mmCIF file of all heavy atoms, coordinates in Angstrom:
data_MODEL
# 
_entry.id   MODEL 
# 
loop_
_atom_site.group_PDB 
_atom_site.id 
_atom_site.type_symbol 
_atom_site.label_atom_id 
_atom_site.label_alt_id 
_atom_site.label_comp_id 
_atom_site.label_asym_id 
_atom_site.label_entity_id 
_atom_site.label_seq_id 
_atom_site.pdbx_PDB_ins_code 
_atom_site.Cartn_x 
_atom_site.Cartn_y 
_atom_site.Cartn_z 
_atom_site.occupancy 
_atom_site.B_iso_or_equiv 
_atom_site.pdbx_formal_charge 
_atom_site.auth_seq_id 
_atom_site.auth_comp_id 
_atom_site.auth_asym_id 
_atom_site.auth_atom_id 
_atom_site.pdbx_PDB_model_num 
ATOM 1   N N   . VAL A 1 1  ? 24.447 -62.144 -20.951 1.00 0.00 ? 1  VAL A N   1 
ATOM 2   C CA  . VAL A 1 1  ? 24.089 -62.015 -19.538 1.00 0.00 ? 1  VAL A CA  1 
ATOM 3   C C   . VAL A 1 1  ? 22.554 -61.964 -19.425 1.00 0.00 ? 1  VAL A C   1 
ATOM 4   O O   . VAL A 1 1  ? 21.901 -61.437 -20.330 1.00 0.00 ? 1  VAL A O   1 
ATOM 5   C CB  . VAL A 1 1  ? 24.713 -60.673 -18.964 1.00 0.00 ? 1  VAL A CB  1 
ATOM 6   C CG1 . VAL A 1 1  ? 24.197 -59.430 -19.723 1.00 0.00 ? 1  VAL A CG1 1 
ATOM 7   C CG2 . VAL A 1 1  ? 24.471 -60.591 -17.442 1.00 0.00 ? 1  VAL A CG2 1 
ATOM 8   N N   . PRO A 1 2  ? 22.019 -62.526 -18.359 1.00 0.00 ? 2  PRO A N   1 
ATOM 9   C CA  . PRO A 1 2  ? 20.543 -62.471 -18.202 1.00 0.00 ? 2  PRO A CA  1 
ATOM 10  C C   . PRO A 1 2  ? 20.105 -61.083 -17.814 1.00 0.00 ? 2  PRO A C   1 
ATOM 11  O O   . PRO A 1 2  ? 20.825 -60.313 -17.255 1.00 0.00 ? 2  PRO A O   1 
ATOM 12  C CB  . PRO A 1 2  ? 20.252 -63.529 -17.080 1.00 0.00 ? 2  PRO A CB  1 
ATOM 13  C CG  . PRO A 1 2  ? 21.521 -63.567 -16.344 1.00 0.00 ? 2  PRO A CG  1 
ATOM 14  C CD  . PRO A 1 2  ? 22.627 -63.394 -17.330 1.00 0.00 ? 2  PRO A CD  1 
ATOM 15  N N   . ALA A 1 3  ? 18.791 -60.805 -18.106 1.00 0.00 ? 3  ALA A N   1 
ATOM 16  C CA  . ALA A 1 3  ? 18.256 -59.519 -17.652 1.00 0.00 ? 3  ALA A CA  1 
ATOM 17  C C   . ALA A 1 3  ? 18.451 -59.350 -16.154 1.00 0.00 ? 3  ALA A C   1 
ATOM 18  O O   . ALA A 1 3  ? 18.241 -60.280 -15.378 1.00 0.00 ? 3  ALA A O   1 
ATOM 19  C CB  . ALA A 1 3  ? 16.766 -59.434 -18.039 1.00 0.00 ? 3  ALA A CB  1 
ATOM 20  N N   . GLY A 1 4  ? 18.815 -58.168 -15.741 1.00 0.00 ? 4  GLY A N   1 
ATOM 21  C CA  . GLY A 1 4  ? 19.051 -57.923 -14.363 1.00 0.00 ? 4  GLY A CA  1 
ATOM 22  C C   . GLY A 1 4  ? 20.504 -58.050 -13.972 1.00 0.00 ? 4  GLY A C   1 
ATOM 23  O O   . GLY A 1 4  ? 20.921 -57.668 -12.863 1.00 0.00 ? 4  GLY A O   1 
ATOM 24  N N   . GLY A 1 5  ? 21.305 -58.629 -14.833 1.00 0.00 ? 5  GLY A N   1 
ATOM 25  C CA  . GLY A 1 5  ? 22.724 -58.963 -14.499 1.00 0.00 ? 5  GLY A CA  1 
ATOM 26  C C   . GLY A 1 5  ? 23.602 -57.744 -14.798 1.00 0.00 ? 5  GLY A C   1 
ATOM 27  O O   . GLY A 1 5  ? 23.139 -56.656 -15.182 1.00 0.00 ? 5  GLY A O   1 
ATOM 28  N N   . SER A 1 6  ? 24.872 -57.977 -14.607 1.00 0.00 ? 6  SER A N   1 
ATOM 29  C CA  . SER A 1 6  ? 25.881 -56.926 -14.758 1.00 0.00 ? 6  SER A CA  1 
ATOM 30  C C   . SER A 1 6  ? 27.045 -57.417 -15.619 1.00 0.00 ? 6  SER A C   1 
ATOM 31  O O   . SER A 1 6  ? 27.348 -58.596 -15.684 1.00 0.00 ? 6  SER A O   1 
ATOM 32  C CB  . SER A 1 6  ? 26.408 -56.505 -13.432 1.00 0.00 ? 6  SER A CB  1 
ATOM 33  O OG  . SER A 1 6  ? 25.412 -55.949 -12.567 1.00 0.00 ? 6  SER A OG  1 
ATOM 34  N N   . LEU A 1 7  ? 27.660 -56.459 -16.282 1.00 0.00 ? 7  LEU A N   1 
ATOM 35  C CA  . LEU A 1 7  ? 28.853 -56.640 -17.023 1.00 0.00 ? 7  LEU A CA  1 
ATOM 36  C C   . LEU A 1 7  ? 29.746 -55.441 -16.843 1.00 0.00 ? 7  LEU A C   1 
ATOM 37  O O   . LEU A 1 7  ? 29.267 -54.321 -16.708 1.00 0.00 ? 7  LEU A O   1 
ATOM 38  C CB  . LEU A 1 7  ? 28.642 -56.888 -18.510 1.00 0.00 ? 7  LEU A CB  1 
ATOM 39  C CG  . LEU A 1 7  ? 28.168 -58.269 -19.043 1.00 0.00 ? 7  LEU A CG  1 
ATOM 40  C CD1 . LEU A 1 7  ? 27.833 -58.156 -20.500 1.00 0.00 ? 7  LEU A CD1 1 
ATOM 41  C CD2 . LEU A 1 7  ? 29.144 -59.324 -18.719 1.00 0.00 ? 7  LEU A CD2 1 
ATOM 42  N N   . ARG A 1 8  ? 31.070 -55.636 -16.957 1.00 0.00 ? 8  ARG A N   1 
ATOM 43  C CA  . ARG A 1 8  ? 31.985 -54.550 -16.913 1.00 0.00 ? 8  ARG A CA  1 
ATOM 44  C C   . ARG A 1 8  ? 32.796 -54.553 -18.176 1.00 0.00 ? 8  ARG A C   1 
ATOM 45  O O   . ARG A 1 8  ? 33.504 -55.545 -18.478 1.00 0.00 ? 8  ARG A O   1 
ATOM 46  C CB  . ARG A 1 8  ? 32.932 -54.634 -15.693 1.00 0.00 ? 8  ARG A CB  1 
ATOM 47  C CG  . ARG A 1 8  ? 33.904 -53.434 -15.583 1.00 0.00 ? 8  ARG A CG  1 
ATOM 48  C CD  . ARG A 1 8  ? 34.733 -53.544 -14.370 1.00 0.00 ? 8  ARG A CD  1 
ATOM 49  N NE  . ARG A 1 8  ? 35.691 -52.488 -14.206 1.00 0.00 ? 8  ARG A NE  1 
ATOM 50  C CZ  . ARG A 1 8  ? 35.461 -51.313 -13.703 1.00 0.00 ? 8  ARG A CZ  1 
ATOM 51  N NH1 . ARG A 1 8  ? 34.227 -51.064 -13.178 1.00 0.00 ? 8  ARG A NH1 1 
ATOM 52  N NH2 . ARG A 1 8  ? 36.415 -50.370 -13.604 1.00 0.00 ? 8  ARG A NH2 1 
ATOM 53  N N   . LEU A 1 9  ? 32.668 -53.514 -18.943 1.00 0.00 ? 9  LEU A N   1 
ATOM 54  C CA  . LEU A 1 9  ? 33.421 -53.370 -20.209 1.00 0.00 ? 9  LEU A CA  1 
ATOM 55  C C   . LEU A 1 9  ? 34.707 -52.614 -19.912 1.00 0.00 ? 9  LEU A C   1 
ATOM 56  O O   . LEU A 1 9  ? 34.695 -51.619 -19.144 1.00 0.00 ? 9  LEU A O   1 
ATOM 57  C CB  . LEU A 1 9  ? 32.629 -52.665 -21.284 1.00 0.00 ? 9  LEU A CB  1 
ATOM 58  C CG  . LEU A 1 9  ? 31.251 -53.271 -21.589 1.00 0.00 ? 9  LEU A CG  1 
ATOM 59  C CD1 . LEU A 1 9  ? 30.602 -52.503 -22.705 1.00 0.00 ? 9  LEU A CD1 1 
ATOM 60  C CD2 . LEU A 1 9  ? 31.385 -54.736 -21.971 1.00 0.00 ? 9  LEU A CD2 1 
ATOM 61  N N   . SER A 1 10 ? 35.786 -52.991 -20.547 1.00 0.00 ? 10 SER A N   1 
ATOM 62  C CA  . SER A 1 10 ? 37.036 -52.226 -20.485 1.00 0.00 ? 10 SER A CA  1 
ATOM 63  C C   . SER A 1 10 ? 37.507 -51.848 -21.809 1.00 0.00 ? 10 SER A C   1 
ATOM 64  O O   . SER A 1 10 ? 37.273 -52.555 -22.806 1.00 0.00 ? 10 SER A O   1 
ATOM 65  C CB  . SER A 1 10 ? 38.072 -53.069 -19.718 1.00 0.00 ? 10 SER A CB  1 
ATOM 66  O OG  . SER A 1 10 ? 37.677 -53.297 -18.394 1.00 0.00 ? 10 SER A OG  1 
ATOM 67  N N   . CYS A 1 11 ? 38.229 -50.770 -21.892 1.00 0.00 ? 11 CYS A N   1 
ATOM 68  C CA  . CYS A 1 11 ? 38.839 -50.329 -23.101 1.00 0.00 ? 11 CYS A CA  1 
ATOM 69  C C   . CYS A 1 11 ? 40.296 -49.957 -22.805 1.00 0.00 ? 11 CYS A C   1 
ATOM 70  O O   . CYS A 1 11 ? 40.532 -49.089 -21.956 1.00 0.00 ? 11 CYS A O   1 
ATOM 71  C CB  . CYS A 1 11 ? 38.076 -49.091 -23.654 1.00 0.00 ? 11 CYS A CB  1 
ATOM 72  S SG  . CYS A 1 11 ? 38.814 -48.321 -25.153 1.00 0.00 ? 11 CYS A SG  1 
ATOM 73  N N   . ALA A 1 12 ? 41.230 -50.638 -23.448 1.00 0.00 ? 12 ALA A N   1 
ATOM 74  C CA  . ALA A 1 12 ? 42.613 -50.449 -23.233 1.00 0.00 ? 12 ALA A CA  1 
ATOM 75  C C   . ALA A 1 12 ? 43.249 -49.584 -24.373 1.00 0.00 ? 12 ALA A C   1 
ATOM 76  O O   . ALA A 1 12 ? 42.974 -49.908 -25.547 1.00 0.00 ? 12 ALA A O   1 
ATOM 77  C CB  . ALA A 1 12 ? 43.346 -51.732 -23.128 1.00 0.00 ? 12 ALA A CB  1 
ATOM 78  N N   . ALA A 1 13 ? 44.023 -48.691 -24.032 1.00 0.00 ? 13 ALA A N   1 
ATOM 79  C CA  . ALA A 1 13 ? 44.687 -47.774 -24.986 1.00 0.00 ? 13 ALA A CA  1 
ATOM 80  C C   . ALA A 1 13 ? 46.100 -48.106 -25.129 1.00 0.00 ? 13 ALA A C   1 
ATOM 81  O O   . ALA A 1 13 ? 46.806 -48.489 -24.183 1.00 0.00 ? 13 ALA A O   1 
ATOM 82  C CB  . ALA A 1 13 ? 44.473 -46.352 -24.605 1.00 0.00 ? 13 ALA A CB  1 
ATOM 83  N N   . SER A 1 14 ? 46.599 -47.985 -26.352 1.00 0.00 ? 14 SER A N   1 
ATOM 84  C CA  . SER A 1 14 ? 48.011 -48.035 -26.597 1.00 0.00 ? 14 SER A CA  1 
ATOM 85  C C   . SER A 1 14 ? 48.435 -46.886 -27.501 1.00 0.00 ? 14 SER A C   1 
ATOM 86  O O   . SER A 1 14 ? 47.565 -46.194 -28.060 1.00 0.00 ? 14 SER A O   1 
ATOM 87  C CB  . SER A 1 14 ? 48.394 -49.406 -27.276 1.00 0.00 ? 14 SER A CB  1 
ATOM 88  O OG  . SER A 1 14 ? 47.774 -49.519 -28.538 1.00 0.00 ? 14 SER A OG  1 
ATOM 89  N N   . GLY A 1 15 ? 49.742 -46.693 -27.597 1.00 0.00 ? 15 GLY A N   1 
ATOM 90  C CA  . GLY A 1 15 ? 50.185 -45.545 -28.316 1.00 0.00 ? 15 GLY A CA  1 
ATOM 91  C C   . GLY A 1 15 ? 50.369 -44.354 -27.417 1.00 0.00 ? 15 GLY A C   1 
ATOM 92  O O   . GLY A 1 15 ? 51.028 -44.475 -26.350 1.00 0.00 ? 15 GLY A O   1 
ATOM 93  N N   . GLU A 1 16 ? 49.714 -43.253 -27.720 1.00 0.00 ? 16 GLU A N   1 
ATOM 94  C CA  . GLU A 1 16 ? 49.814 -42.066 -26.819 1.00 0.00 ? 16 GLU A CA  1 
ATOM 95  C C   . GLU A 1 16 ? 49.159 -42.268 -25.534 1.00 0.00 ? 16 GLU A C   1 
ATOM 96  O O   . GLU A 1 16 ? 48.211 -43.096 -25.364 1.00 0.00 ? 16 GLU A O   1 
ATOM 97  C CB  . GLU A 1 16 ? 49.179 -40.852 -27.552 1.00 0.00 ? 16 GLU A CB  1 
ATOM 98  C CG  . GLU A 1 16 ? 49.920 -40.374 -28.784 1.00 0.00 ? 16 GLU A CG  1 
ATOM 99  C CD  . GLU A 1 16 ? 49.259 -39.163 -29.372 1.00 0.00 ? 16 GLU A CD  1 
ATOM 100 O OE1 . GLU A 1 16 ? 48.194 -38.719 -28.878 1.00 0.00 ? 16 GLU A OE1 1 
ATOM 101 O OE2 . GLU A 1 16 ? 49.859 -38.513 -30.262 1.00 0.00 ? 16 GLU A OE2 1 
ATOM 102 N N   . SER A 1 17 ? 49.553 -41.482 -24.579 1.00 0.00 ? 17 SER A N   1 
ATOM 103 C CA  . SER A 1 17 ? 48.898 -41.399 -23.281 1.00 0.00 ? 17 SER A CA  1 
ATOM 104 C C   . SER A 1 17 ? 47.467 -40.877 -23.523 1.00 0.00 ? 17 SER A C   1 
ATOM 105 O O   . SER A 1 17 ? 47.208 -40.135 -24.397 1.00 0.00 ? 17 SER A O   1 
ATOM 106 C CB  . SER A 1 17 ? 49.624 -40.462 -22.342 1.00 0.00 ? 17 SER A CB  1 
ATOM 107 O OG  . SER A 1 17 ? 48.877 -40.133 -21.212 1.00 0.00 ? 17 SER A OG  1 
ATOM 108 N N   . LEU A 1 18 ? 46.548 -41.181 -22.592 1.00 0.00 ? 18 LEU A N   1 
ATOM 109 C CA  . LEU A 1 18 ? 45.233 -40.721 -22.662 1.00 0.00 ? 18 LEU A CA  1 
ATOM 110 C C   . LEU A 1 18 ? 45.056 -39.321 -22.019 1.00 0.00 ? 18 LEU A C   1 
ATOM 111 O O   . LEU A 1 18 ? 43.944 -38.784 -22.029 1.00 0.00 ? 18 LEU A O   1 
ATOM 112 C CB  . LEU A 1 18 ? 44.252 -41.717 -21.888 1.00 0.00 ? 18 LEU A CB  1 
ATOM 113 C CG  . LEU A 1 18 ? 44.034 -43.084 -22.610 1.00 0.00 ? 18 LEU A CG  1 
ATOM 114 C CD1 . LEU A 1 18 ? 43.090 -43.941 -21.738 1.00 0.00 ? 18 LEU A CD1 1 
ATOM 115 C CD2 . LEU A 1 18 ? 43.502 -42.919 -23.992 1.00 0.00 ? 18 LEU A CD2 1 
ATOM 116 N N   . TRP A 1 19 ? 46.144 -38.813 -21.550 1.00 0.00 ? 19 TRP A N   1 
ATOM 117 C CA  . TRP A 1 19 ? 46.082 -37.432 -20.939 1.00 0.00 ? 19 TRP A CA  1 
ATOM 118 C C   . TRP A 1 19 ? 45.560 -36.461 -22.005 1.00 0.00 ? 19 TRP A C   1 
ATOM 119 O O   . TRP A 1 19 ? 46.063 -36.432 -23.171 1.00 0.00 ? 19 TRP A O   1 
ATOM 120 C CB  . TRP A 1 19 ? 47.472 -37.035 -20.479 1.00 0.00 ? 19 TRP A CB  1 
ATOM 121 C CG  . TRP A 1 19 ? 47.453 -35.699 -19.739 1.00 0.00 ? 19 TRP A CG  1 
ATOM 122 C CD1 . TRP A 1 19 ? 47.284 -35.586 -18.370 1.00 0.00 ? 19 TRP A CD1 1 
ATOM 123 C CD2 . TRP A 1 19 ? 47.515 -34.426 -20.305 1.00 0.00 ? 19 TRP A CD2 1 
ATOM 124 N NE1 . TRP A 1 19 ? 47.278 -34.200 -18.061 1.00 0.00 ? 19 TRP A NE1 1 
ATOM 125 C CE2 . TRP A 1 19 ? 47.414 -33.477 -19.262 1.00 0.00 ? 19 TRP A CE2 1 
ATOM 126 C CE3 . TRP A 1 19 ? 47.670 -33.912 -21.598 1.00 0.00 ? 19 TRP A CE3 1 
ATOM 127 C CZ2 . TRP A 1 19 ? 47.486 -32.120 -19.389 1.00 0.00 ? 19 TRP A CZ2 1 
ATOM 128 C CZ3 . TRP A 1 19 ? 47.728 -32.493 -21.779 1.00 0.00 ? 19 TRP A CZ3 1 
ATOM 129 C CH2 . TRP A 1 19 ? 47.632 -31.673 -20.675 1.00 0.00 ? 19 TRP A CH2 1 
ATOM 130 N N   . GLY A 1 20 ? 44.545 -35.698 -21.628 1.00 0.00 ? 20 GLY A N   1 
ATOM 131 C CA  . GLY A 1 20 ? 43.955 -34.733 -22.526 1.00 0.00 ? 20 GLY A CA  1 
ATOM 132 C C   . GLY A 1 20 ? 42.868 -35.240 -23.409 1.00 0.00 ? 20 GLY A C   1 
ATOM 133 O O   . GLY A 1 20 ? 42.263 -34.446 -24.155 1.00 0.00 ? 20 GLY A O   1 
ATOM 134 N N   . TYR A 1 21 ? 42.500 -36.499 -23.323 1.00 0.00 ? 21 TYR A N   1 
ATOM 135 C CA  . TYR A 1 21 ? 41.518 -37.114 -24.149 1.00 0.00 ? 21 TYR A CA  1 
ATOM 136 C C   . TYR A 1 21 ? 40.154 -37.187 -23.410 1.00 0.00 ? 21 TYR A C   1 
ATOM 137 O O   . TYR A 1 21 ? 40.091 -37.705 -22.326 1.00 0.00 ? 21 TYR A O   1 
ATOM 138 C CB  . TYR A 1 21 ? 41.869 -38.528 -24.565 1.00 0.00 ? 21 TYR A CB  1 
ATOM 139 C CG  . TYR A 1 21 ? 42.864 -38.685 -25.735 1.00 0.00 ? 21 TYR A CG  1 
ATOM 140 C CD1 . TYR A 1 21 ? 44.184 -38.490 -25.529 1.00 0.00 ? 21 TYR A CD1 1 
ATOM 141 C CD2 . TYR A 1 21 ? 42.422 -38.979 -26.928 1.00 0.00 ? 21 TYR A CD2 1 
ATOM 142 C CE1 . TYR A 1 21 ? 45.109 -38.580 -26.513 1.00 0.00 ? 21 TYR A CE1 1 
ATOM 143 C CE2 . TYR A 1 21 ? 43.299 -39.116 -28.051 1.00 0.00 ? 21 TYR A CE2 1 
ATOM 144 C CZ  . TYR A 1 21 ? 44.651 -38.884 -27.770 1.00 0.00 ? 21 TYR A CZ  1 
ATOM 145 O OH  . TYR A 1 21 ? 45.540 -39.011 -28.857 1.00 0.00 ? 21 TYR A OH  1 
ATOM 146 N N   . THR A 1 22 ? 39.142 -36.682 -24.084 1.00 0.00 ? 22 THR A N   1 
ATOM 147 C CA  . THR A 1 22 ? 37.788 -37.053 -23.683 1.00 0.00 ? 22 THR A CA  1 
ATOM 148 C C   . THR A 1 22 ? 37.497 -38.489 -24.210 1.00 0.00 ? 22 THR A C   1 
ATOM 149 O O   . THR A 1 22 ? 37.833 -38.794 -25.356 1.00 0.00 ? 22 THR A O   1 
ATOM 150 C CB  . THR A 1 22 ? 36.773 -36.079 -24.323 1.00 0.00 ? 22 THR A CB  1 
ATOM 151 O OG1 . THR A 1 22 ? 36.823 -34.822 -23.632 1.00 0.00 ? 22 THR A OG1 1 
ATOM 152 C CG2 . THR A 1 22 ? 35.318 -36.651 -24.140 1.00 0.00 ? 22 THR A CG2 1 
ATOM 153 N N   . LEU A 1 23 ? 36.920 -39.330 -23.356 1.00 0.00 ? 23 LEU A N   1 
ATOM 154 C CA  . LEU A 1 23 ? 36.660 -40.692 -23.693 1.00 0.00 ? 23 LEU A CA  1 
ATOM 155 C C   . LEU A 1 23 ? 35.123 -40.951 -23.574 1.00 0.00 ? 23 LEU A C   1 
ATOM 156 O O   . LEU A 1 23 ? 34.490 -40.367 -22.723 1.00 0.00 ? 23 LEU A O   1 
ATOM 157 C CB  . LEU A 1 23 ? 37.412 -41.631 -22.838 1.00 0.00 ? 23 LEU A CB  1 
ATOM 158 C CG  . LEU A 1 23 ? 38.947 -41.519 -22.892 1.00 0.00 ? 23 LEU A CG  1 
ATOM 159 C CD1 . LEU A 1 23 ? 39.566 -42.434 -21.836 1.00 0.00 ? 23 LEU A CD1 1 
ATOM 160 C CD2 . LEU A 1 23 ? 39.507 -41.908 -24.276 1.00 0.00 ? 23 LEU A CD2 1 
ATOM 161 N N   . GLY A 1 24 ? 34.631 -41.861 -24.341 1.00 0.00 ? 24 GLY A N   1 
ATOM 162 C CA  . GLY A 1 24 ? 33.227 -42.151 -24.286 1.00 0.00 ? 24 GLY A CA  1 
ATOM 163 C C   . GLY A 1 24 ? 32.939 -43.579 -24.726 1.00 0.00 ? 24 GLY A C   1 
ATOM 164 O O   . GLY A 1 24 ? 33.764 -44.263 -25.331 1.00 0.00 ? 24 GLY A O   1 
ATOM 165 N N   . TRP A 1 25 ? 31.679 -43.964 -24.422 1.00 0.00 ? 25 TRP A N   1 
ATOM 166 C CA  . TRP A 1 25 ? 31.158 -45.277 -24.849 1.00 0.00 ? 25 TRP A CA  1 
ATOM 167 C C   . TRP A 1 25 ? 29.934 -45.024 -25.704 1.00 0.00 ? 25 TRP A C   1 
ATOM 168 O O   . TRP A 1 25 ? 29.047 -44.165 -25.343 1.00 0.00 ? 25 TRP A O   1 
ATOM 169 C CB  . TRP A 1 25 ? 30.770 -46.147 -23.650 1.00 0.00 ? 25 TRP A CB  1 
ATOM 170 C CG  . TRP A 1 25 ? 31.966 -46.688 -22.899 1.00 0.00 ? 25 TRP A CG  1 
ATOM 171 C CD1 . TRP A 1 25 ? 32.571 -46.136 -21.866 1.00 0.00 ? 25 TRP A CD1 1 
ATOM 172 C CD2 . TRP A 1 25 ? 32.645 -47.898 -23.213 1.00 0.00 ? 25 TRP A CD2 1 
ATOM 173 N NE1 . TRP A 1 25 ? 33.642 -46.958 -21.516 1.00 0.00 ? 25 TRP A NE1 1 
ATOM 174 C CE2 . TRP A 1 25 ? 33.663 -48.045 -22.288 1.00 0.00 ? 25 TRP A CE2 1 
ATOM 175 C CE3 . TRP A 1 25 ? 32.437 -48.870 -24.191 1.00 0.00 ? 25 TRP A CE3 1 
ATOM 176 C CZ2 . TRP A 1 25 ? 34.602 -49.126 -22.316 1.00 0.00 ? 25 TRP A CZ2 1 
ATOM 177 C CZ3 . TRP A 1 25 ? 33.359 -49.997 -24.222 1.00 0.00 ? 25 TRP A CZ3 1 
ATOM 178 C CH2 . TRP A 1 25 ? 34.343 -50.097 -23.297 1.00 0.00 ? 25 TRP A CH2 1 
ATOM 179 N N   . PHE A 1 26 ? 29.756 -45.757 -26.748 1.00 0.00 ? 26 PHE A N   1 
ATOM 180 C CA  . PHE A 1 26 ? 28.683 -45.726 -27.669 1.00 0.00 ? 26 PHE A CA  1 
ATOM 181 C C   . PHE A 1 26 ? 28.148 -47.138 -27.934 1.00 0.00 ? 26 PHE A C   1 
ATOM 182 O O   . PHE A 1 26 ? 28.923 -48.064 -27.672 1.00 0.00 ? 26 PHE A O   1 
ATOM 183 C CB  . PHE A 1 26 ? 29.066 -45.017 -28.992 1.00 0.00 ? 26 PHE A CB  1 
ATOM 184 C CG  . PHE A 1 26 ? 29.635 -43.653 -28.720 1.00 0.00 ? 26 PHE A CG  1 
ATOM 185 C CD1 . PHE A 1 26 ? 30.941 -43.460 -28.409 1.00 0.00 ? 26 PHE A CD1 1 
ATOM 186 C CD2 . PHE A 1 26 ? 28.826 -42.500 -28.998 1.00 0.00 ? 26 PHE A CD2 1 
ATOM 187 C CE1 . PHE A 1 26 ? 31.434 -42.185 -28.146 1.00 0.00 ? 26 PHE A CE1 1 
ATOM 188 C CE2 . PHE A 1 26 ? 29.305 -41.248 -28.794 1.00 0.00 ? 26 PHE A CE2 1 
ATOM 189 C CZ  . PHE A 1 26 ? 30.639 -41.034 -28.388 1.00 0.00 ? 26 PHE A CZ  1 
# 
């Protein structure tokens, strides 16, 4: 992407539900 642009990252989970999970991006 060029400087000044935008992107949307997604993270899909499988297995257990995400209930109770702290989630983060690094």
